[in-house]
Amino acid sequence: MIHSYSYIVNFGSPFTLPGLDRSYPPGSYTIQADDEQLDLSFAASRRVATTILLKAGPMTQAWLVKPSDLDAALAADLAPKHPR
């Protein structure tokens, strides 16, 4: 059985993810996650898909992303920015 849920992440600076051809502006973005319930003697699940909803004008694109890539982009966004 697949359990789907969504949550919001916030970027304070423009960001990009592997495979995207451009950066996206700061703001709130919806993440959709799909977890598969494992058939074990205890409660366990595994992530089978993670998508971020990206808006470009009137269009919204669901982009498949690795959770580790999303975590890295969020961590980079939170890292102190050093002036040049």
Protein backbone atom coordinates (compact mmCIF):
# COMPACT_ATOMS: atom_id res chain seq x y z
CA MET A 1 0.00 0.00 0.00
CA ILE A 2 1.25 3.49 -0.89
CA HIS A 3 0.87 6.35 1.59
CA SER A 4 1.06 9.80 -0.03
CA TYR A 5 1.47 13.07 1.80
CA SER A 6 2.67 16.58 1.10
CA TYR A 7 4.52 19.27 3.01
CA ILE A 8 5.93 22.73 2.35
CA VAL A 9 9.60 23.72 2.16
CA ASN A 10 10.85 27.30 2.04
CA PHE A 11 13.80 28.63 0.08
CA GLY A 12 15.13 32.07 1.04
CA SER A 13 17.34 32.34 -2.04
CA PRO A 14 17.13 31.20 -5.66
CA PHE A 15 17.84 27.48 -5.92
CA THR A 16 18.31 24.69 -8.41
CA LEU A 17 18.25 20.90 -8.28
CA PRO A 18 20.15 18.33 -10.34
CA GLY A 19 18.64 18.02 -13.80
CA LEU A 20 16.85 21.38 -13.79
CA ASP A 21 17.81 23.73 -16.61
CA ARG A 22 17.37 26.90 -14.57
CA SER A 23 17.13 28.21 -11.02
CA TYR A 24 13.83 28.89 -9.28
CA PRO A 25 13.01 31.95 -7.16
CA PRO A 26 12.86 32.00 -3.36
CA GLY A 27 9.53 31.01 -1.88
CA SER A 28 7.42 28.16 -0.57
CA TYR A 29 7.28 24.92 -2.55
CA THR A 30 5.08 21.86 -2.08
CA ILE A 31 6.79 18.48 -1.75
CA GLN A 32 4.80 15.32 -2.43
CA ALA A 33 6.14 12.10 -0.93
CA ASP A 34 5.01 8.54 -1.58
CA ASP A 35 5.95 5.85 0.93
CA GLU A 36 5.32 2.16 0.45
CA GLN A 37 4.24 0.12 3.47
CA LEU A 38 6.53 -2.89 3.84
CA ASP A 39 5.02 -6.27 4.65
CA LEU A 40 6.94 -7.01 7.85
CA SER A 41 6.07 -8.08 11.39
CA PHE A 42 6.59 -4.44 12.49
CA ALA A 43 5.59 -1.09 11.03
CA ALA A 44 8.05 -0.01 8.34
CA SER A 45 7.98 1.86 5.05
CA ARG A 46 10.30 3.06 2.32
CA ARG A 47 10.20 6.17 0.16
CA VAL A 48 9.32 5.33 -3.44
CA ALA A 49 8.95 8.85 -4.87
CA THR A 50 9.53 12.48 -3.93
CA THR A 51 8.42 15.33 -6.17
CA ILE A 52 8.63 19.10 -5.88
CA LEU A 53 5.97 21.24 -7.53
CA LEU A 54 7.66 23.97 -9.58
CA LYS A 55 5.70 26.89 -11.02
CA ALA A 56 6.74 28.63 -14.21
CA GLY A 57 4.14 31.21 -15.17
CA PRO A 58 0.73 29.54 -15.37
CA MET A 59 2.25 26.05 -15.54
CA THR A 60 3.08 23.77 -12.58
CA GLN A 61 5.54 20.94 -13.11
CA ALA A 62 5.99 17.98 -10.74
CA TRP A 63 9.74 17.31 -10.74
CA LEU A 64 10.99 13.96 -9.40
CA VAL A 65 13.83 14.62 -6.97
CA LYS A 66 16.06 12.50 -4.76
CA PRO A 67 15.44 13.28 -1.09
CA SER A 68 19.21 13.71 -0.62
CA ASP A 69 19.32 16.33 -3.41
CA LEU A 70 16.40 18.21 -1.87
CA ASP A 71 18.08 18.08 1.57
CA ALA A 72 21.34 19.39 0.06
CA ALA A 73 19.54 22.29 -1.66
CA LEU A 74 17.76 23.20 1.57
CA ALA A 75 21.02 23.00 3.56
CA ALA A 76 22.80 25.20 0.99
CA ASP A 77 19.96 27.71 1.27
CA LEU A 78 20.40 27.89 5.05
CA ALA A 79 24.20 28.17 4.91
CA PRO A 80 25.62 31.62 5.70
CA LYS A 81 26.18 33.70 2.58
CA HIS A 82 29.53 35.42 2.41
CA PRO A 83 29.69 38.76 0.57
CA ARG A 84 32.17 38.88 -2.30
